[in-house]
Amino acid sequence: WAAIAAWSDLVICVNTALADAAGRAVPALSPTRLAVVPYPIEPVGAVMPATRSSGRRPRAGYVGRLELGQKRVDRLVPLISATGDAVAWDILGDGPARGSLERKLRGRDDVQFHGWLSGEAYWRTLAGLDAVVFTSDFEGTPIALLEAMACGALPLFPAIGGDGESLARQIDPRCVYPPGELKVAAQQLRALLPVGESMRTRCREAVRAFTPAAHAAAYAAALRAAQAAPRVSAPTVLRRAHSSDALPLALVRRLFPDALWR
């Protein structure tokens, strides 16, 4: 952070949690030197179903990397078990923990593993979700959260801070659960389902500002503000001697195969 502060007149962060962390790490960065420019999302509206049958079983989903480190997808197993047969599940994504999850959930015909999806197949699957769940130890603003909410899916998010938790609280206090408390999370999920159209509309409205146009406008505004302010960055380029600055990704993959598993 100190190096970034010495080189920069503006630090752009994708969410307020990162901006707060940057401000704490480098107090010399004034708030005017820190800008929050949220991710842009662009749903494919044509694949979103307008209505759902009344007798349909609610569907919840997990979207993201299947790993134990940050994402803690091992928590999906007790969460899915605690929901019983009241909810069907879609798991989108891949990663080193996929095999373990499939073994532990074997025999459940109400759990479907999709792997990585893209294009209309991805958006069509998101549009079929009633809720999207997160089990992470830490998150900022997951793009999967924004995209699922844009399709009308209800968020179920752990109380770990960040803009993700803030968005979930906007919808309903029960959309936020104590971290690691999977039985509580299951109870709250069952209480929230099935999701009515008014709640779906609230989810879509909550992420309406995360558009490419809004992203471009916020980015341009941050640059204009930085250009109008006095320069604080170093007048000359600081020299760095980090091998990682010029380390080819092909070499990284050869030396550390798991570093680029996708």
Protein backbone atom coordinates (compact mmCIF):
# COMPACT_ATOMS: atom_id res chain seq x y z
CA TRP A 1 0.00 0.00 0.00
CA ALA A 2 2.83 2.41 0.79
CA ALA A 3 4.25 1.89 -2.70
CA ILE A 4 0.85 2.44 -4.29
CA ALA A 5 0.39 5.65 -2.34
CA ALA A 6 3.78 6.94 -3.50
CA TRP A 7 2.97 6.23 -7.14
CA SER A 8 -0.66 7.29 -7.28
CA ASP A 9 -2.91 10.30 -7.16
CA LEU A 10 -5.98 8.07 -7.16
CA VAL A 11 -6.76 4.58 -5.86
CA ILE A 12 -9.89 2.98 -7.31
CA CYS A 13 -11.55 0.19 -5.31
CA VAL A 14 -14.43 -2.03 -6.37
CA ASN A 15 -16.24 -1.83 -3.02
CA THR A 16 -16.29 0.15 0.20
CA ALA A 17 -14.60 -2.63 2.20
CA LEU A 18 -11.47 -2.34 0.04
CA ALA A 19 -11.59 1.46 0.20
CA ASP A 20 -11.79 1.32 3.99
CA ALA A 21 -8.85 -1.11 4.11
CA ALA A 22 -6.78 1.16 1.86
CA GLY A 23 -7.60 4.17 4.00
CA ARG A 24 -6.53 2.36 7.17
CA ALA A 25 -3.33 1.05 5.59
CA VAL A 26 -2.28 4.42 4.17
CA PRO A 27 -3.77 7.25 6.25
CA ALA A 28 -2.04 9.74 3.92
CA LEU A 29 -4.60 8.81 1.26
CA SER A 30 -7.37 11.32 1.80
CA PRO A 31 -10.96 10.26 1.06
CA THR A 32 -10.83 12.30 -2.15
CA ARG A 33 -7.96 10.07 -3.32
CA LEU A 34 -10.02 6.91 -2.79
CA ALA A 35 -12.84 6.16 -5.19
CA VAL A 36 -15.34 3.31 -5.16
CA VAL A 37 -16.27 2.15 -8.66
CA PRO A 38 -18.52 -0.94 -8.37
CA TYR A 39 -18.43 -3.86 -10.77
CA PRO A 40 -20.64 -3.62 -13.84
CA ILE A 41 -23.02 -6.47 -14.67
CA GLU A 42 -25.09 -6.94 -17.80
CA PRO A 43 -27.77 -9.65 -17.49
CA VAL A 44 -29.19 -11.31 -20.55
CA GLY A 45 -32.80 -10.31 -19.96
CA ALA A 46 -34.20 -12.44 -22.77
CA VAL A 47 -33.60 -15.70 -20.89
CA MET A 48 -35.30 -14.68 -17.64
CA PRO A 49 -38.64 -16.45 -17.04
CA ALA A 50 -41.47 -14.07 -16.19
CA THR A 51 -43.49 -16.45 -14.01
CA ARG A 52 -43.06 -19.64 -11.97
CA SER A 53 -45.58 -22.40 -11.38
CA SER A 54 -47.19 -22.39 -7.95
CA GLY A 55 -46.40 -26.06 -7.22
CA ARG A 56 -42.74 -25.81 -8.13
CA ARG A 57 -40.19 -26.67 -5.43
CA PRO A 58 -38.00 -23.64 -4.57
CA ARG A 59 -34.44 -23.78 -5.88
CA ALA A 60 -31.39 -22.38 -4.10
CA GLY A 61 -27.96 -22.14 -5.62
CA TYR A 62 -24.28 -21.65 -4.99
CA VAL A 63 -22.27 -19.80 -7.66
CA GLY A 64 -18.47 -19.56 -7.54
CA ARG A 65 -15.21 -21.39 -6.99
CA LEU A 66 -15.53 -24.73 -5.25
CA GLU A 67 -12.73 -24.39 -2.71
CA LEU A 68 -12.33 -24.75 1.03
CA GLY A 69 -10.08 -21.74 1.70
CA GLN A 70 -12.03 -18.52 1.32
CA LYS A 71 -15.29 -19.95 -0.01
CA ARG A 72 -15.72 -22.71 2.63
CA VAL A 73 -17.92 -24.78 0.33
CA ASP A 74 -17.67 -27.64 2.84
CA ARG A 75 -20.43 -25.75 4.68
CA LEU A 76 -22.80 -26.42 1.80
CA VAL A 77 -23.19 -30.05 2.91
CA PRO A 78 -24.71 -29.34 6.36
CA LEU A 79 -26.69 -26.42 4.91
CA ILE A 80 -28.24 -28.58 2.20
CA SER A 81 -28.93 -31.35 4.72
CA ALA A 82 -30.59 -28.90 7.11
CA THR A 83 -33.01 -27.70 4.43
CA GLY A 84 -34.28 -31.27 3.98
CA ASP A 85 -36.40 -31.89 0.92
CA ALA A 86 -37.97 -28.43 1.00
CA VAL A 87 -35.38 -26.96 -1.38
CA ALA A 88 -33.69 -28.19 -4.56
CA TRP A 89 -30.11 -27.08 -5.24
CA ASP A 90 -28.02 -25.95 -8.21
CA ILE A 91 -24.24 -25.69 -7.78
CA LEU A 92 -22.49 -23.61 -10.45
CA GLY A 93 -18.73 -23.56 -10.59
CA ASP A 94 -15.73 -25.82 -10.33
CA GLY A 95 -12.60 -26.21 -8.25
CA PRO A 96 -10.54 -28.55 -6.09
CA ALA A 97 -13.39 -29.26 -3.65
CA ARG A 98 -15.90 -30.37 -6.29
CA GLY A 99 -15.07 -34.08 -6.04
CA SER A 100 -15.46 -34.07 -2.26
CA LEU A 101 -18.80 -32.26 -2.49
CA GLU A 102 -20.13 -34.66 -5.10
CA ARG A 103 -19.16 -37.66 -2.95
CA LYS A 104 -20.78 -36.23 0.18
CA LEU A 105 -23.98 -35.30 -1.67
CA ARG A 106 -24.16 -38.49 -3.74
CA GLY A 107 -27.61 -39.97 -3.86
CA ARG A 108 -29.43 -36.64 -3.62
CA ASP A 109 -31.33 -36.20 -6.86
CA ASP A 110 -32.31 -32.69 -5.76
CA VAL A 111 -28.70 -31.41 -6.04
CA GLN A 112 -27.33 -30.68 -9.51
CA PHE A 113 -23.70 -29.82 -10.29
CA HIS A 114 -23.45 -27.67 -13.42
CA GLY A 115 -19.73 -26.89 -13.52
CA TRP A 116 -18.76 -23.61 -15.19
CA LEU A 117 -21.52 -22.14 -17.33
CA SER A 118 -21.37 -19.17 -19.67
CA GLY A 119 -23.61 -17.14 -21.95
CA GLU A 120 -27.32 -17.85 -22.03
CA ALA A 121 -26.89 -21.19 -20.21
CA TYR A 122 -25.44 -19.33 -17.22
CA TRP A 123 -28.13 -16.65 -17.13
CA ARG A 124 -30.93 -19.15 -17.69
CA THR A 125 -29.77 -21.19 -14.69
CA LEU A 126 -29.48 -18.07 -12.50
CA ALA A 127 -32.96 -17.03 -13.57
CA GLY A 128 -34.32 -20.35 -12.28
CA LEU A 129 -32.99 -19.74 -8.76
CA ASP A 130 -35.16 -18.53 -5.90
CA ALA A 131 -32.13 -17.84 -3.68
CA VAL A 132 -28.35 -17.66 -3.93
CA VAL A 133 -26.29 -18.65 -0.89
CA PHE A 134 -22.78 -17.80 0.29
CA THR A 135 -20.76 -19.64 2.91
CA SER A 136 -17.51 -17.66 2.74
CA ASP A 137 -15.26 -16.53 5.56
CA PHE A 138 -14.69 -13.20 3.79
CA GLU A 139 -16.09 -11.47 0.72
CA GLY A 140 -16.28 -7.98 -0.72
CA THR A 141 -19.00 -7.71 -3.32
CA PRO A 142 -19.27 -11.04 -5.15
CA ILE A 143 -20.15 -10.59 -8.82
CA ALA A 144 -22.22 -13.79 -8.57
CA LEU A 145 -24.33 -12.10 -5.89
CA LEU A 146 -25.01 -9.10 -8.13
CA GLU A 147 -25.83 -11.25 -11.15
CA ALA A 148 -28.14 -13.60 -9.23
CA MET A 149 -29.98 -10.69 -7.60
CA ALA A 150 -30.36 -9.08 -11.02
CA CYS A 151 -32.26 -12.24 -11.99
CA GLY A 152 -34.50 -11.91 -8.93
CA ALA A 153 -32.75 -14.42 -6.64
CA LEU A 154 -32.90 -13.78 -2.92
CA PRO A 155 -29.46 -13.51 -1.25
CA LEU A 156 -28.51 -15.55 1.83
CA PHE A 157 -25.24 -14.06 3.06
CA PRO A 158 -23.11 -14.53 6.21
CA ALA A 159 -22.64 -11.57 8.54
CA ILE A 160 -19.02 -10.96 7.50
CA GLY A 161 -19.28 -7.30 6.51
CA GLY A 162 -18.65 -5.85 3.10
CA ASP A 163 -21.06 -4.59 0.49
CA GLY A 164 -22.42 -8.11 0.00
CA GLU A 165 -23.86 -8.16 3.51
CA SER A 166 -25.20 -4.62 3.06
CA LEU A 167 -27.04 -5.60 -0.13
CA ALA A 168 -28.54 -8.67 1.55
CA ARG A 169 -29.77 -6.62 4.52
CA GLN A 170 -31.51 -4.23 2.14
CA ILE A 171 -33.77 -7.06 1.02
CA ASP A 172 -34.66 -8.61 4.40
CA PRO A 173 -32.84 -8.98 7.76
CA ARG A 174 -33.31 -12.74 7.46
CA CYS A 175 -31.11 -12.70 4.35
CA VAL A 176 -28.09 -12.39 6.69
CA TYR A 177 -27.12 -15.23 9.04
CA PRO A 178 -24.38 -15.72 11.67
CA PRO A 179 -21.18 -17.01 9.99
CA GLY A 180 -20.88 -20.78 10.16
CA GLU A 181 -24.33 -21.22 11.72
CA LEU A 182 -25.73 -23.47 9.00
CA LYS A 183 -28.84 -24.63 10.87
CA VAL A 184 -29.79 -20.99 11.43
CA ALA A 185 -29.11 -20.26 7.77
CA ALA A 186 -31.34 -23.17 6.73
CA GLN A 187 -34.16 -22.00 9.02
CA GLN A 188 -34.01 -18.49 7.61
CA LEU A 189 -33.90 -19.78 4.05
CA ARG A 190 -36.97 -21.96 4.58
CA ALA A 191 -38.78 -19.01 6.16
CA LEU A 192 -38.01 -16.78 3.16
CA LEU A 193 -39.11 -19.30 0.51
CA PRO A 194 -41.03 -19.35 -1.71
CA VAL A 195 -40.04 -15.92 -2.98
CA GLY A 196 -42.87 -13.69 -4.17
CA GLU A 197 -42.62 -11.40 -7.16
CA SER A 198 -42.45 -8.30 -4.97
CA MET A 199 -39.33 -9.66 -3.25
CA ARG A 200 -37.80 -10.53 -6.62
CA THR A 201 -38.43 -6.99 -7.79
CA ARG A 202 -36.73 -5.67 -4.65
CA CYS A 203 -33.66 -7.80 -5.44
CA ARG A 204 -33.48 -6.50 -9.00
CA GLU A 205 -33.90 -2.90 -7.87
CA ALA A 206 -31.12 -3.26 -5.27
CA VAL A 207 -28.53 -3.95 -7.99
CA ARG A 208 -29.94 -1.73 -10.73
CA ALA A 209 -27.06 0.74 -10.28
CA PHE A 210 -24.44 -1.90 -11.18
CA THR A 211 -24.68 -1.27 -14.93
CA PRO A 212 -21.90 -0.71 -17.48
CA ALA A 213 -23.11 2.88 -17.92
CA ALA A 214 -22.99 3.58 -14.17
CA HIS A 215 -19.54 1.96 -13.97
CA ALA A 216 -18.21 4.15 -16.79
CA ALA A 217 -19.72 7.29 -15.26
CA ALA A 218 -18.24 6.59 -11.80
CA TYR A 219 -14.83 5.81 -13.31
CA ALA A 220 -14.83 9.01 -15.36
CA ALA A 221 -15.92 11.09 -12.37
CA ALA A 222 -13.09 9.67 -10.24
CA LEU A 223 -10.53 10.49 -12.94
CA ARG A 224 -11.84 14.04 -13.36
CA ALA A 225 -11.65 14.63 -9.61
CA ALA A 226 -8.07 13.32 -9.47
CA GLN A 227 -7.00 15.47 -12.41
CA ALA A 228 -8.47 18.59 -10.80
CA ALA A 229 -6.70 18.01 -7.48
CA PRO A 230 -3.03 18.85 -6.76
CA ARG A 231 -0.56 16.10 -7.61
CA VAL A 232 0.68 14.05 -4.65
CA SER A 233 2.44 11.18 -6.46
CA ALA A 234 6.21 10.96 -6.85
CA PRO A 235 7.53 13.05 -9.78
CA THR A 236 9.62 10.13 -11.06
CA VAL A 237 8.81 6.47 -11.52
CA LEU A 238 9.99 4.44 -8.54
CA ARG A 239 12.16 1.44 -9.34
CA ARG A 240 10.97 -2.02 -8.32
CA ALA A 241 12.99 -5.19 -8.12
CA HIS A 242 10.27 -7.80 -7.76
CA SER A 243 10.62 -10.84 -9.99
CA SER A 244 6.83 -11.21 -9.96
CA ASP A 245 6.56 -8.05 -12.06
CA ALA A 246 7.90 -9.96 -15.08
CA LEU A 247 7.07 -13.56 -14.17
CA PRO A 248 5.39 -15.29 -17.15
CA LEU A 249 2.12 -17.05 -16.33
CA ALA A 250 3.30 -20.07 -18.33
CA LEU A 251 6.22 -20.45 -15.91
CA VAL A 252 3.91 -20.04 -12.91
CA ARG A 253 1.70 -22.83 -14.24
CA ARG A 254 4.70 -25.10 -14.81
CA LEU A 255 6.17 -24.53 -11.33
CA PHE A 256 2.87 -24.29 -9.41
CA PRO A 257 0.16 -26.18 -11.35
CA ASP A 258 -2.51 -25.54 -8.73
CA ALA A 259 -2.01 -21.76 -8.89
CA LEU A 260 -3.94 -21.54 -12.16
CA TRP A 261 -6.30 -24.49 -11.85
CA ARG A 262 -9.14 -23.09 -13.90
